[in-house]
Protein backbone atom coordinates (compact mmCIF):
# COMPACT_ATOMS: atom_id res chain seq x y z
CA MET A 1 2.98 -50.36 -1.55
CA LYS A 2 3.70 -51.27 -5.21
CA ASN A 3 2.99 -47.70 -6.33
CA SER A 4 5.25 -46.31 -3.62
CA VAL A 5 8.08 -48.62 -4.65
CA LYS A 6 7.73 -47.48 -8.27
CA LEU A 7 7.65 -43.82 -7.24
CA HIS A 8 10.65 -44.04 -4.94
CA GLY A 9 12.50 -46.12 -7.54
CA ILE A 10 12.00 -43.40 -10.15
CA VAL A 11 13.12 -40.70 -7.69
CA LEU A 12 16.20 -42.71 -6.71
CA ALA A 13 17.12 -43.29 -10.36
CA PHE A 14 16.74 -39.57 -11.12
CA VAL A 15 18.89 -38.56 -8.15
CA VAL A 16 21.64 -41.06 -8.98
CA VAL A 17 21.77 -40.08 -12.66
CA GLY A 18 21.54 -36.36 -11.83
CA GLU A 19 24.41 -36.56 -9.36
CA TRP A 20 26.41 -38.64 -11.83
CA ILE A 21 26.02 -35.96 -14.51
CA GLY A 22 26.87 -33.23 -11.98
CA ALA A 23 26.97 -29.47 -12.56
CA LYS A 24 27.58 -28.27 -16.11
CA GLN A 25 27.96 -24.80 -17.60
CA PHE A 26 27.37 -23.90 -21.24
CA ASN A 27 28.82 -20.74 -22.71
CA LEU A 28 26.33 -18.76 -24.80
CA GLY A 29 28.77 -16.01 -25.73
CA VAL A 30 27.13 -13.26 -23.66
CA GLY A 31 26.85 -15.48 -20.61
CA THR A 32 26.58 -19.06 -19.44
CA ILE A 33 23.75 -21.37 -18.51
CA ALA A 34 24.33 -23.34 -15.32
CA LEU A 35 22.84 -26.83 -15.16
CA PHE A 36 22.91 -28.88 -11.97
CA PRO A 37 21.36 -32.07 -10.54
CA MET A 38 18.26 -30.42 -9.05
CA LEU A 39 17.42 -28.84 -12.40
CA TYR A 40 17.81 -32.17 -14.23
CA VAL A 41 15.49 -33.88 -11.76
CA LEU A 42 12.90 -31.10 -12.04
CA ILE A 43 12.78 -31.48 -15.82
CA TRP A 44 12.70 -35.28 -15.72
CA GLY A 45 9.99 -35.17 -13.08
CA ALA A 46 7.89 -32.89 -15.28
CA ILE A 47 8.30 -35.29 -18.19
CA VAL A 48 7.32 -38.48 -16.37
CA SER A 49 4.32 -36.77 -14.74
CA TRP A 50 2.97 -35.52 -18.08
CA PRO A 51 -0.57 -37.01 -18.18
CA LYS A 52 -0.30 -38.03 -21.85
CA PHE A 53 2.55 -40.45 -21.10
CA LYS A 54 0.57 -42.17 -18.33
CA LEU A 55 3.76 -43.09 -16.47
CA MET A 56 2.48 -41.77 -13.14
CA SER A 57 -1.01 -42.00 -11.67
CA ASP A 58 -2.78 -39.12 -9.94
CA LYS A 59 -2.37 -40.94 -6.65
CA GLN A 60 1.39 -41.24 -7.16
CA MET A 61 1.72 -37.56 -8.02
CA LYS A 62 -0.25 -36.56 -4.93
CA HIS A 63 1.99 -38.83 -2.88
CA ALA A 64 5.06 -37.19 -4.43
CA ALA A 65 3.68 -33.74 -3.62
CA THR A 66 3.24 -34.76 0.02
CA VAL A 67 6.80 -36.08 0.23
CA LEU A 68 8.04 -32.89 -1.45
CA GLY A 69 6.41 -30.80 1.27
CA ILE A 70 8.12 -32.83 3.99
CA SER A 71 11.44 -32.59 2.15
CA PHE A 72 11.17 -28.81 1.97
CA MET A 73 10.54 -28.66 5.71
CA LEU A 74 13.85 -30.46 6.21
CA PHE A 75 15.50 -28.11 3.73
CA VAL A 76 14.14 -25.05 5.52
CA ALA A 77 15.26 -26.50 8.86
CA LYS A 78 18.77 -26.89 7.47
CA LEU A 79 18.74 -23.28 6.28
CA GLY A 80 17.54 -22.23 9.73
CA THR A 81 20.59 -23.85 11.32
CA MET A 82 22.73 -21.79 8.93
CA LEU A 83 20.86 -18.56 9.66
CA GLY A 84 21.27 -18.68 13.44
CA PRO A 85 25.08 -18.55 13.65
CA SER A 86 25.17 -16.03 10.78
CA LEU A 87 22.72 -13.49 12.22
CA PRO A 88 25.45 -10.82 12.67
CA LYS A 89 26.25 -11.13 8.97
CA ILE A 90 22.55 -10.86 8.13
CA PHE A 91 22.20 -7.72 10.27
CA GLU A 92 25.21 -6.21 8.50
CA ALA A 93 23.28 -6.42 5.26
CA GLY A 94 20.74 -4.11 6.93
CA LEU A 95 18.19 -2.41 4.73
CA SER A 96 19.47 -4.02 1.56
CA LEU A 97 17.71 -7.23 2.56
CA ALA A 98 14.41 -5.44 3.05
CA PHE A 99 14.99 -3.24 0.01
CA GLN A 100 15.16 -6.28 -2.28
CA GLU A 101 11.37 -6.35 -1.87
CA VAL A 102 11.29 -3.35 -4.24
CA GLY A 103 12.37 -5.69 -7.02
CA HIS A 104 9.07 -7.51 -6.75
CA VAL A 105 7.19 -4.29 -7.38
CA ILE A 106 9.36 -3.30 -10.32
CA GLY A 107 9.34 -6.76 -11.83
CA THR A 108 5.74 -7.73 -11.50
CA ILE A 109 3.92 -4.39 -11.67
CA ALA A 110 6.07 -1.94 -13.64
CA ILE A 111 7.13 -4.53 -16.23
CA GLY A 112 4.53 -7.27 -16.00
CA LEU A 113 1.36 -5.15 -16.05
CA PRO A 114 2.06 -3.25 -19.33
CA ILE A 115 3.10 -6.50 -21.03
CA ALA A 116 -0.05 -8.24 -19.83
CA LEU A 117 -2.21 -5.41 -21.21
CA LEU A 118 -0.37 -5.46 -24.54
CA LEU A 119 -1.05 -9.21 -24.72
CA GLY A 120 -4.76 -8.52 -24.37
CA MET A 121 -5.42 -9.40 -20.73
CA LYS A 122 -8.13 -7.40 -18.97
CA ARG A 123 -8.73 -7.42 -15.23
CA GLU A 124 -6.97 -10.78 -15.09
CA ALA A 125 -3.80 -8.66 -15.42
CA ILE A 126 -4.32 -7.26 -11.89
CA GLY A 127 -4.21 -10.68 -10.27
CA ALA A 128 -1.44 -11.87 -12.57
CA THR A 129 0.97 -8.99 -11.95
CA PHE A 130 0.48 -7.63 -8.42
CA SER A 131 2.88 -10.31 -7.09
CA ILE A 132 4.44 -13.63 -8.08
CA ASP A 133 1.18 -15.23 -6.93
CA ARG A 134 2.10 -17.83 -4.36
CA GLU A 135 -0.32 -19.21 -1.79
CA PRO A 136 -0.61 -16.08 0.45
CA ASN A 137 -1.18 -13.91 -2.64
CA LEU A 138 -3.99 -16.20 -3.84
CA ALA A 139 -5.66 -15.78 -0.46
CA ILE A 140 -5.40 -11.98 -0.73
CA ILE A 141 -6.95 -11.96 -4.20
CA ALA A 142 -9.70 -14.38 -3.19
CA GLU A 143 -10.59 -12.21 -0.19
CA LYS A 144 -10.54 -8.95 -2.14
CA TYR A 145 -12.16 -9.97 -5.44
CA GLY A 146 -13.31 -13.58 -5.07
CA ALA A 147 -11.66 -16.73 -6.41
CA ASP A 148 -13.93 -16.87 -9.49
CA SER A 149 -13.35 -13.23 -10.45
CA PRO A 150 -11.17 -12.19 -13.43
CA GLU A 151 -8.52 -11.09 -10.94
CA GLY A 152 -8.67 -14.48 -9.24
CA ARG A 153 -8.29 -16.31 -12.57
CA GLY A 154 -5.26 -14.19 -13.43
CA ALA A 155 -3.61 -14.94 -10.09
CA LEU A 156 -4.39 -18.66 -10.36
CA GLY A 157 -2.96 -18.80 -13.88
CA VAL A 158 0.35 -17.34 -12.73
CA TYR A 159 0.33 -19.65 -9.70
CA VAL A 160 -0.02 -22.73 -11.93
CA CYS A 161 2.64 -21.50 -14.40
CA GLY A 162 4.97 -20.66 -11.52
CA THR A 163 4.46 -24.09 -9.95
CA VAL A 164 5.20 -25.91 -13.22
CA PHE A 165 7.87 -23.71 -14.79
CA GLY A 166 8.96 -21.26 -12.06
CA ALA A 167 11.84 -23.23 -10.54
CA ILE A 168 13.29 -24.19 -13.94
CA TYR A 169 12.95 -20.63 -15.24
CA LEU A 170 14.57 -19.02 -12.20
CA ALA A 171 17.40 -21.56 -12.18
CA LEU A 172 18.29 -20.78 -15.80
CA LEU A 173 17.82 -17.02 -15.29
CA ALA A 174 19.90 -16.85 -12.09
CA GLY A 175 22.77 -18.81 -13.61
CA PHE A 176 22.77 -16.64 -16.72
CA LEU A 177 22.63 -13.33 -14.80
CA GLY A 178 25.40 -14.52 -12.50
CA SER A 179 27.64 -15.38 -15.43
CA LEU A 180 27.36 -11.82 -16.80
CA GLY A 181 29.41 -10.56 -13.85
CA ILE A 182 27.32 -7.39 -13.53
CA LEU A 183 25.71 -8.07 -10.16
CA HIS A 184 27.32 -9.25 -6.93
CA PRO A 185 26.52 -12.88 -6.09
CA ILE A 186 25.00 -11.85 -2.74
CA SER A 187 22.69 -9.39 -4.51
CA LEU A 188 21.59 -12.17 -6.83
CA ALA A 189 21.12 -14.44 -3.82
CA MET A 190 18.80 -11.87 -2.23
CA GLY A 191 16.90 -11.68 -5.50
CA ALA A 192 16.47 -15.45 -5.43
CA GLY A 193 14.36 -15.12 -2.27
CA VAL A 194 11.08 -14.50 -4.06
CA GLY A 195 8.85 -16.07 -1.41
CA SER A 196 8.76 -19.55 -2.92
CA GLY A 197 10.90 -22.29 -1.42
CA SER A 198 11.26 -24.31 -4.63
CA MET A 199 12.12 -21.26 -6.74
CA MET A 200 14.59 -20.01 -4.13
CA ALA A 201 16.27 -23.41 -3.94
CA ALA A 202 16.55 -23.68 -7.73
CA ALA A 203 17.89 -20.14 -8.19
CA SER A 204 20.37 -20.33 -5.31
CA GLY A 205 21.52 -23.74 -6.58
CA ALA A 206 22.33 -22.25 -9.98
CA LEU A 207 24.18 -19.36 -8.32
CA ALA A 208 26.16 -21.80 -6.19
CA VAL A 209 27.31 -23.54 -9.37
CA THR A 210 28.28 -20.20 -10.91
CA PHE A 211 29.98 -18.91 -7.72
CA PRO A 212 31.22 -22.03 -5.90
CA ASN A 213 33.39 -20.02 -3.47
CA ASP A 214 30.31 -18.09 -2.25
CA ALA A 215 27.96 -21.08 -2.13
CA GLU A 216 27.38 -20.90 1.64
CA ASP A 217 26.71 -17.15 1.69
CA ILE A 218 24.41 -17.51 -1.31
CA ALA A 219 22.26 -20.11 0.48
CA LEU A 220 22.31 -17.96 3.63
CA PHE A 221 21.18 -14.70 2.05
CA ALA A 222 18.70 -16.37 -0.28
CA ALA A 223 17.04 -18.02 2.71
CA ALA A 224 16.98 -14.75 4.67
CA ALA A 225 15.52 -12.83 1.72
CA ASN A 226 12.95 -15.55 1.17
CA LEU A 227 11.89 -15.38 4.82
CA ILE A 228 11.60 -11.58 4.73
CA THR A 229 9.64 -11.71 1.49
CA THR A 230 7.25 -14.26 2.93
CA ILE A 231 6.60 -12.09 6.00
CA LEU A 232 6.78 -8.53 4.64
CA GLY A 233 5.53 -9.43 1.19
CA THR A 234 2.06 -10.26 2.47
CA TYR A 235 1.64 -6.80 4.00
CA ILE A 236 3.19 -5.07 1.01
CA CYS A 237 0.76 -6.89 -1.28
CA VAL A 238 -2.25 -5.95 0.85
CA PHE A 239 -1.40 -2.29 1.46
CA PHE A 240 0.68 -1.36 -1.60
CA SER A 241 1.06 -3.77 -4.51
CA LEU A 242 -2.58 -4.68 -5.03
CA PRO A 243 -4.05 -1.14 -4.68
CA VAL A 244 -1.30 0.31 -6.90
CA THR A 245 -1.76 -2.38 -9.53
CA ALA A 246 -5.51 -1.78 -9.61
CA ARG A 247 -5.00 1.99 -10.02
CA LEU A 248 -2.36 1.52 -12.70
CA TYR A 249 -4.68 -0.87 -14.51
CA ASN A 250 -7.43 1.76 -14.58
CA TRP A 251 -4.93 4.26 -16.03
CA LEU A 252 -3.07 2.02 -18.46
CA GLU A 253 -5.83 -0.23 -19.78
CA PRO A 254 -7.46 2.44 -21.97
CA LYS A 255 -4.03 3.31 -23.40
CA LEU A 256 -2.45 -0.12 -23.84
CA GLY A 257 -5.32 -2.59 -23.71
CA ARG A 258 -6.46 -4.34 -26.85
CA ASN A 259 -9.90 -3.39 -28.23
CA LYS A 260 -9.96 -0.49 -25.73
CA LEU A 261 -12.79 -2.09 -23.79
CA SER A 262 -14.34 -0.11 -20.96
CA ILE A 263 -13.01 -0.95 -17.52
CA ASP A 264 -15.09 -3.57 -15.79
CA LYS A 265 -15.11 -3.09 -12.05
CA GLY A 266 -17.71 -5.74 -11.42
CA GLY A 267 -15.25 -8.21 -9.86
CA ASP A 268 -14.39 -5.99 -6.90
CA LYS A 269 -16.34 -7.07 -3.83
CA SER A 270 -15.26 -4.10 -1.76
């Protein structure tokens, strides 16, 4: 009970201070960075849970993770109530909603794989770049190559980095891209639906600060894109992203990989 009181007290203090600070935008010359209460709380939460500071016990962090899961269910339920009445507007978007899935391929495979090879990654690059590596993607890699394989380690590494830094990174990136005025806010909202609830919430929150008049539509299309990505993304990863990434790795590794090591196919169980 004492630990719960401390945990909820910290959360309450963060929420109150975050709401008191409110949304802020900083001009960087070429664009702006949007800061908002959720982003503050994410950063403060990461600081107080840093093991070296010993401010939070493992038990408290596990408790917080459980509460977070319940909170996201409520958040998703709220988005669902917004999606229902707006289905005609969603259908008007048509193929553009499904087509945003292409961005995942371009971003993670076409850009991420060459960079991973240039940094010296080997078969870990396949698991790290075939998707953004959320829970369904980890299951796909574990089934195909095994959790202890190089591919599995690459996927798990991106999963951990995404869990720790993903929401903060996407919030800053979405706010900055929105401030450039190049892309339509609804397009950016669709891009925010990457298949992760926390990342989608952080990115759409930053876009809502940047485009306050479109805040409702941003939440609506981000939620729809996130739902489509979660459903279609699994099949795309199984039948397209993972096989293509593996083939591209075999082709690019001898050209871009450090030390030009021979391709090790030992991790593939199939």
